[in-house]
Amino acid sequence: MVAEMEFGAYVRERRETLAASAPLPARAPEYSLRGVARHLGMEASYLSKVERGVVPPPSEDVIRRLADVLGEDLDTMMLLAGKVSPRLQKIVGKRPKLFAELIRELRDAPDSAIFKVVREVRDGRW
């Protein structure tokens, strides 16, 4: 489950899933550890350390590029890294007390209840 996964483990799982889903015989070398690291302009050893949780998550810029490479949602990746994207900061900043209360109230809610809230808001059911 995404919410319980650490940043590095999430990155590794997503990268390996993308690599495995590519048609044979290539097996998507662009999603290998070295391929992703090369695309991001970093050493594969550093990306490996990030994935294993040996070093903290990278900068916001690297997370943004990594989300793009992996086809992932930037806000999700930032939250997994323990950071808040500027976009979410702006949204929450408009009504910080309400969002803080909402998050506290949803803290122990089952996923099904949270999905229901999201669907109702997305569908405009106020």
N, C-alpha and C. Protein backbone atom coordinates (compact mmCIF):
# COMPACT_ATOMS: atom_id res chain seq x y z
N MET A 1 0.85 -1.18 0.00
CA MET A 1 0.00 0.00 0.00
C MET A 1 0.89 1.24 0.00
N VAL A 2 0.58 2.22 -0.83
CA VAL A 2 1.38 3.42 -0.98
C VAL A 2 1.55 4.16 0.34
N ALA A 3 0.49 4.35 1.09
CA ALA A 3 0.54 5.17 2.29
C ALA A 3 1.51 4.61 3.34
N GLU A 4 1.74 3.31 3.33
CA GLU A 4 2.59 2.71 4.33
C GLU A 4 4.01 2.46 3.83
N MET A 5 4.29 2.78 2.59
CA MET A 5 5.56 2.47 2.00
C MET A 5 6.52 3.66 2.12
N GLU A 6 7.77 3.36 2.33
CA GLU A 6 8.78 4.41 2.36
C GLU A 6 9.11 4.83 0.94
N PHE A 7 9.64 6.03 0.81
CA PHE A 7 9.94 6.60 -0.49
C PHE A 7 10.81 5.68 -1.35
N GLY A 8 11.95 5.26 -0.83
CA GLY A 8 12.88 4.45 -1.62
C GLY A 8 12.27 3.14 -2.07
N ALA A 9 11.55 2.47 -1.18
CA ALA A 9 10.92 1.20 -1.53
C ALA A 9 9.86 1.42 -2.61
N TYR A 10 9.15 2.52 -2.52
CA TYR A 10 8.13 2.84 -3.52
C TYR A 10 8.77 3.05 -4.88
N VAL A 11 9.87 3.81 -4.91
CA VAL A 11 10.58 4.08 -6.16
C VAL A 11 11.07 2.76 -6.76
N ARG A 12 11.69 1.92 -5.95
CA ARG A 12 12.22 0.64 -6.45
C ARG A 12 11.09 -0.22 -7.01
N GLU A 13 10.00 -0.33 -6.25
CA GLU A 13 8.88 -1.16 -6.71
C GLU A 13 8.33 -0.66 -8.03
N ARG A 14 8.14 0.63 -8.14
CA ARG A 14 7.59 1.20 -9.37
C ARG A 14 8.54 1.00 -10.54
N ARG A 15 9.82 1.25 -10.33
CA ARG A 15 10.83 1.10 -11.38
C ARG A 15 10.88 -0.35 -11.85
N GLU A 16 10.91 -1.29 -10.92
CA GLU A 16 10.97 -2.71 -11.28
C GLU A 16 9.70 -3.18 -11.98
N THR A 17 8.56 -2.64 -11.57
CA THR A 17 7.30 -2.98 -12.24
C THR A 17 7.31 -2.50 -13.68
N LEU A 18 7.78 -1.29 -13.90
CA LEU A 18 7.86 -0.76 -15.26
C LEU A 18 8.83 -1.56 -16.11
N ALA A 19 9.96 -1.93 -15.53
CA ALA A 19 10.96 -2.72 -16.26
C ALA A 19 10.39 -4.08 -16.64
N ALA A 20 9.68 -4.72 -15.72
CA ALA A 20 9.15 -6.06 -15.96
C ALA A 20 7.98 -6.06 -16.94
N SER A 21 7.29 -4.94 -17.05
CA SER A 21 6.11 -4.90 -17.91
C SER A 21 6.45 -4.64 -19.37
N ALA A 22 7.71 -4.33 -19.65
CA ALA A 22 8.13 -4.07 -21.02
C ALA A 22 8.16 -5.39 -21.80
N PRO A 23 7.88 -5.32 -23.09
CA PRO A 23 7.91 -6.55 -23.89
C PRO A 23 9.33 -7.11 -24.02
N LEU A 24 9.42 -8.40 -24.09
CA LEU A 24 10.71 -9.06 -24.30
C LEU A 24 11.15 -8.79 -25.72
N PRO A 25 12.40 -8.81 -26.08
CA PRO A 25 13.53 -9.16 -25.24
C PRO A 25 14.15 -7.96 -24.53
N ALA A 26 13.73 -6.76 -24.86
CA ALA A 26 14.39 -5.56 -24.32
C ALA A 26 14.28 -5.45 -22.81
N ARG A 27 13.11 -5.74 -22.25
CA ARG A 27 12.84 -5.61 -20.82
C ARG A 27 13.15 -4.20 -20.31
N ALA A 28 12.88 -3.22 -21.14
CA ALA A 28 12.96 -1.80 -20.77
C ALA A 28 14.21 -1.42 -20.00
N PRO A 29 15.36 -1.44 -20.66
CA PRO A 29 16.59 -1.05 -19.95
C PRO A 29 16.54 0.37 -19.41
N GLU A 30 15.64 1.21 -19.95
CA GLU A 30 15.53 2.57 -19.42
C GLU A 30 14.99 2.58 -18.00
N TYR A 31 14.39 1.47 -17.55
CA TYR A 31 13.90 1.39 -16.18
C TYR A 31 14.81 0.58 -15.26
N SER A 32 15.97 0.20 -15.77
CA SER A 32 16.95 -0.44 -14.90
C SER A 32 17.47 0.63 -13.93
N LEU A 33 18.10 0.20 -12.89
CA LEU A 33 18.67 1.16 -11.94
C LEU A 33 19.60 2.13 -12.66
N ARG A 34 20.47 1.59 -13.48
CA ARG A 34 21.42 2.44 -14.22
C ARG A 34 20.72 3.34 -15.24
N GLY A 35 19.68 2.81 -15.89
CA GLY A 35 18.96 3.60 -16.89
C GLY A 35 18.25 4.79 -16.27
N VAL A 36 17.57 4.57 -15.16
CA VAL A 36 16.87 5.67 -14.49
C VAL A 36 17.88 6.67 -13.94
N ALA A 37 18.93 6.17 -13.32
CA ALA A 37 19.97 7.07 -12.78
C ALA A 37 20.58 7.91 -13.89
N ARG A 38 20.86 7.29 -15.02
CA ARG A 38 21.45 8.02 -16.15
C ARG A 38 20.48 9.11 -16.62
N HIS A 39 19.20 8.77 -16.69
CA HIS A 39 18.19 9.75 -17.12
C HIS A 39 18.11 10.93 -16.15
N LEU A 40 18.32 10.65 -14.87
CA LEU A 40 18.26 11.71 -13.86
C LEU A 40 19.58 12.45 -13.70
N GLY A 41 20.64 11.95 -14.34
CA GLY A 41 21.95 12.59 -14.25
C GLY A 41 22.62 12.34 -12.90
N MET A 42 22.45 11.13 -12.36
CA MET A 42 23.07 10.80 -11.08
C MET A 42 23.73 9.44 -11.18
N GLU A 43 24.52 9.13 -10.20
CA GLU A 43 25.17 7.82 -10.14
C GLU A 43 24.15 6.75 -9.75
N ALA A 44 24.28 5.59 -10.35
CA ALA A 44 23.39 4.48 -10.01
C ALA A 44 23.55 4.09 -8.54
N SER A 45 24.76 4.22 -8.01
CA SER A 45 24.99 3.86 -6.60
C SER A 45 24.19 4.78 -5.67
N TYR A 46 24.06 6.05 -6.04
CA TYR A 46 23.26 6.97 -5.22
C TYR A 46 21.78 6.59 -5.27
N LEU A 47 21.27 6.31 -6.48
CA LEU A 47 19.87 5.92 -6.60
C LEU A 47 19.61 4.63 -5.83
N SER A 48 20.55 3.71 -5.87
CA SER A 48 20.43 2.47 -5.11
C SER A 48 20.33 2.76 -3.61
N LYS A 49 21.12 3.69 -3.13
CA LYS A 49 21.08 4.05 -1.71
C LYS A 49 19.74 4.69 -1.35
N VAL A 50 19.20 5.50 -2.26
CA VAL A 50 17.89 6.10 -2.04
C VAL A 50 16.84 5.00 -1.95
N GLU A 51 16.88 4.07 -2.90
CA GLU A 51 15.89 2.99 -2.92
C GLU A 51 15.97 2.10 -1.67
N ARG A 52 17.15 1.92 -1.15
CA ARG A 52 17.31 1.08 0.04
C ARG A 52 17.12 1.85 1.33
N GLY A 53 16.92 3.16 1.25
CA GLY A 53 16.71 3.97 2.45
C GLY A 53 17.98 4.27 3.21
N VAL A 54 19.13 4.10 2.56
CA VAL A 54 20.42 4.37 3.19
C VAL A 54 20.65 5.87 3.31
N VAL A 55 20.18 6.60 2.31
CA VAL A 55 20.27 8.07 2.32
C VAL A 55 18.85 8.62 2.25
N PRO A 56 18.64 9.84 2.70
CA PRO A 56 17.29 10.42 2.65
C PRO A 56 16.86 10.68 1.21
N PRO A 57 15.57 10.88 1.00
CA PRO A 57 15.08 11.19 -0.35
C PRO A 57 15.79 12.41 -0.92
N PRO A 58 15.89 12.45 -2.25
CA PRO A 58 16.60 13.56 -2.90
C PRO A 58 15.82 14.87 -2.85
N SER A 59 16.36 15.87 -3.52
CA SER A 59 15.75 17.20 -3.56
C SER A 59 14.42 17.18 -4.32
N GLU A 60 13.67 18.24 -4.14
CA GLU A 60 12.38 18.37 -4.82
C GLU A 60 12.54 18.29 -6.34
N ASP A 61 13.60 18.91 -6.87
CA ASP A 61 13.83 18.87 -8.31
C ASP A 61 14.04 17.45 -8.80
N VAL A 62 14.84 16.67 -8.08
CA VAL A 62 15.09 15.28 -8.47
C VAL A 62 13.82 14.46 -8.33
N ILE A 63 13.06 14.69 -7.28
CA ILE A 63 11.79 13.98 -7.09
C ILE A 63 10.84 14.30 -8.24
N ARG A 64 10.81 15.54 -8.66
CA ARG A 64 9.96 15.95 -9.78
C ARG A 64 10.35 15.19 -11.05
N ARG A 65 11.64 15.13 -11.33
CA ARG A 65 12.11 14.42 -12.53
C ARG A 65 11.87 12.91 -12.41
N LEU A 66 12.06 12.38 -11.21
CA LEU A 66 11.84 10.96 -10.97
C LEU A 66 10.36 10.60 -11.16
N ALA A 67 9.48 11.44 -10.66
CA ALA A 67 8.04 11.22 -10.84
C ALA A 67 7.70 11.21 -12.33
N ASP A 68 8.32 12.08 -13.08
CA ASP A 68 8.08 12.14 -14.52
C ASP A 68 8.57 10.87 -15.20
N VAL A 69 9.76 10.42 -14.86
CA VAL A 69 10.34 9.20 -15.46
C VAL A 69 9.48 7.98 -15.14
N LEU A 70 8.99 7.90 -13.91
CA LEU A 70 8.22 6.74 -13.47
C LEU A 70 6.72 6.86 -13.76
N GLY A 71 6.30 8.01 -14.28
CA GLY A 71 4.88 8.22 -14.56
C GLY A 71 4.04 8.28 -13.30
N GLU A 72 4.60 8.86 -12.26
CA GLU A 72 3.94 8.92 -10.96
C GLU A 72 3.46 10.33 -10.65
N ASP A 73 2.53 10.42 -9.73
CA ASP A 73 1.99 11.69 -9.28
C ASP A 73 3.03 12.40 -8.40
N LEU A 74 3.36 13.64 -8.74
CA LEU A 74 4.38 14.39 -8.00
C LEU A 74 3.98 14.58 -6.55
N ASP A 75 2.74 14.93 -6.28
CA ASP A 75 2.31 15.16 -4.90
C ASP A 75 2.50 13.90 -4.05
N THR A 76 2.17 12.74 -4.62
CA THR A 76 2.34 11.48 -3.90
C THR A 76 3.82 11.23 -3.62
N MET A 77 4.65 11.42 -4.62
CA MET A 77 6.09 11.19 -4.45
C MET A 77 6.67 12.14 -3.40
N MET A 78 6.24 13.39 -3.43
CA MET A 78 6.74 14.36 -2.46
C MET A 78 6.33 13.97 -1.04
N LEU A 79 5.08 13.57 -0.87
CA LEU A 79 4.62 13.18 0.46
C LEU A 79 5.37 11.95 0.97
N LEU A 80 5.61 10.99 0.09
CA LEU A 80 6.38 9.81 0.49
C LEU A 80 7.80 10.20 0.91
N ALA A 81 8.30 11.27 0.33
CA ALA A 81 9.64 11.76 0.66
C ALA A 81 9.64 12.64 1.91
N GLY A 82 8.45 12.84 2.50
CA GLY A 82 8.36 13.68 3.69
C GLY A 82 8.35 15.16 3.37
N LYS A 83 7.94 15.49 2.15
CA LYS A 83 7.91 16.88 1.71
C LYS A 83 6.51 17.19 1.19
N VAL A 84 6.21 18.46 1.09
CA VAL A 84 4.92 18.88 0.56
C VAL A 84 5.19 19.72 -0.68
N SER A 85 4.57 19.33 -1.79
CA SER A 85 4.78 20.06 -3.04
C SER A 85 4.24 21.48 -2.91
N PRO A 86 4.81 22.41 -3.66
CA PRO A 86 4.30 23.78 -3.64
C PRO A 86 2.81 23.85 -4.00
N ARG A 87 2.37 22.97 -4.88
CA ARG A 87 0.96 22.97 -5.27
C ARG A 87 0.06 22.62 -4.09
N LEU A 88 0.43 21.59 -3.34
CA LEU A 88 -0.36 21.23 -2.16
C LEU A 88 -0.25 22.30 -1.07
N GLN A 89 0.92 22.89 -0.93
CA GLN A 89 1.08 23.96 0.05
C GLN A 89 0.12 25.10 -0.25
N LYS A 90 -0.01 25.43 -1.51
CA LYS A 90 -0.91 26.52 -1.91
C LYS A 90 -2.37 26.16 -1.62
N ILE A 91 -2.74 24.92 -1.93
CA ILE A 91 -4.12 24.48 -1.70
C ILE A 91 -4.44 24.48 -0.21
N VAL A 92 -3.59 23.85 0.58
CA VAL A 92 -3.82 23.76 2.02
C VAL A 92 -3.70 25.13 2.67
N GLY A 93 -2.80 25.95 2.15
CA GLY A 93 -2.57 27.28 2.71
C GLY A 93 -3.77 28.19 2.65
N LYS A 94 -4.70 27.92 1.75
CA LYS A 94 -5.91 28.74 1.66
C LYS A 94 -6.85 28.50 2.83
N ARG A 95 -6.83 27.27 3.38
CA ARG A 95 -7.71 26.90 4.49
C ARG A 95 -6.99 25.92 5.42
N PRO A 96 -5.89 26.37 6.03
CA PRO A 96 -5.06 25.44 6.81
C PRO A 96 -5.79 24.78 7.98
N LYS A 97 -6.62 25.51 8.69
CA LYS A 97 -7.32 24.92 9.83
C LYS A 97 -8.28 23.81 9.39
N LEU A 98 -9.01 24.07 8.31
CA LEU A 98 -9.95 23.07 7.82
C LEU A 98 -9.25 21.81 7.32
N PHE A 99 -8.15 22.00 6.59
CA PHE A 99 -7.43 20.84 6.08
C PHE A 99 -6.77 20.06 7.22
N ALA A 100 -6.25 20.76 8.20
CA ALA A 100 -5.64 20.07 9.35
C ALA A 100 -6.70 19.25 10.08
N GLU A 101 -7.88 19.83 10.28
CA GLU A 101 -8.96 19.10 10.95
C GLU A 101 -9.40 17.90 10.12
N LEU A 102 -9.54 18.09 8.81
CA LEU A 102 -9.94 16.99 7.93
C LEU A 102 -8.94 15.84 8.00
N ILE A 103 -7.68 16.14 7.93
CA ILE A 103 -6.64 15.11 7.97
C ILE A 103 -6.65 14.38 9.32
N ARG A 104 -6.80 15.15 10.40
CA ARG A 104 -6.87 14.50 11.73
C ARG A 104 -8.07 13.57 11.82
N GLU A 105 -9.21 14.01 11.32
CA GLU A 105 -10.42 13.19 11.39
C GLU A 105 -10.31 11.94 10.52
N LEU A 106 -9.58 12.03 9.43
CA LEU A 106 -9.44 10.89 8.52
C LEU A 106 -8.29 9.97 8.90
N ARG A 107 -7.54 10.34 9.90
CA ARG A 107 -6.33 9.60 10.29
C ARG A 107 -6.59 8.11 10.46
N ASP A 108 -7.64 7.73 11.16
CA ASP A 108 -7.91 6.33 11.43
C ASP A 108 -9.04 5.76 10.58
N ALA A 109 -9.51 6.53 9.61
CA ALA A 109 -10.60 6.07 8.76
C ALA A 109 -10.10 4.97 7.82
N PRO A 110 -10.95 4.02 7.51
CA PRO A 110 -10.55 2.99 6.55
C PRO A 110 -10.43 3.60 5.15
N ASP A 111 -9.64 2.96 4.32
CA ASP A 111 -9.45 3.46 2.95
C ASP A 111 -10.78 3.65 2.23
N SER A 112 -11.73 2.76 2.46
CA SER A 112 -13.02 2.86 1.78
C SER A 112 -13.73 4.17 2.10
N ALA A 113 -13.61 4.63 3.33
CA ALA A 113 -14.24 5.90 3.72
C ALA A 113 -13.53 7.07 3.05
N ILE A 114 -12.22 7.00 2.97
CA ILE A 114 -11.46 8.08 2.33
C ILE A 114 -11.76 8.11 0.84
N PHE A 115 -11.84 6.93 0.20
CA PHE A 115 -12.19 6.88 -1.22
C PHE A 115 -13.56 7.48 -1.46
N LYS A 116 -14.48 7.24 -0.54
CA LYS A 116 -15.83 7.78 -0.66
C LYS A 116 -15.81 9.30 -0.62
N VAL A 117 -15.06 9.86 0.32
CA VAL A 117 -14.93 11.32 0.42
C VAL A 117 -14.33 11.88 -0.87
N VAL A 118 -13.28 11.26 -1.36
CA VAL A 118 -12.62 11.73 -2.59
C VAL A 118 -13.60 11.69 -3.76
N ARG A 119 -14.33 10.58 -3.90
CA ARG A 119 -15.31 10.47 -5.00
C ARG A 119 -16.38 11.54 -4.90
N GLU A 120 -16.87 11.79 -3.70
CA GLU A 120 -17.93 12.80 -3.53
C GLU A 120 -17.43 14.19 -3.89
N VAL A 121 -16.21 14.50 -3.48
CA VAL A 121 -15.65 15.81 -3.83
C VAL A 121 -15.39 15.90 -5.32
N ARG A 122 -14.81 14.84 -5.90
CA ARG A 122 -14.51 14.83 -7.33
C ARG A 122 -15.78 14.97 -8.15
N ASP A 123 -16.85 14.31 -7.70
CA ASP A 123 -18.12 14.34 -8.43
C ASP A 123 -18.94 15.58 -8.14
N GLY A 124 -18.50 16.41 -7.20
CA GLY A 124 -19.23 17.63 -6.87
C GLY A 124 -20.45 17.42 -6.02
N ARG A 125 -20.50 16.32 -5.29
CA ARG A 125 -21.64 16.04 -4.40
C ARG A 125 -21.38 16.68 -3.05
N TRP A 126 -21.90 17.84 -2.87
CA TRP A 126 -21.67 18.57 -1.60
C TRP A 126 -22.80 18.31 -0.69
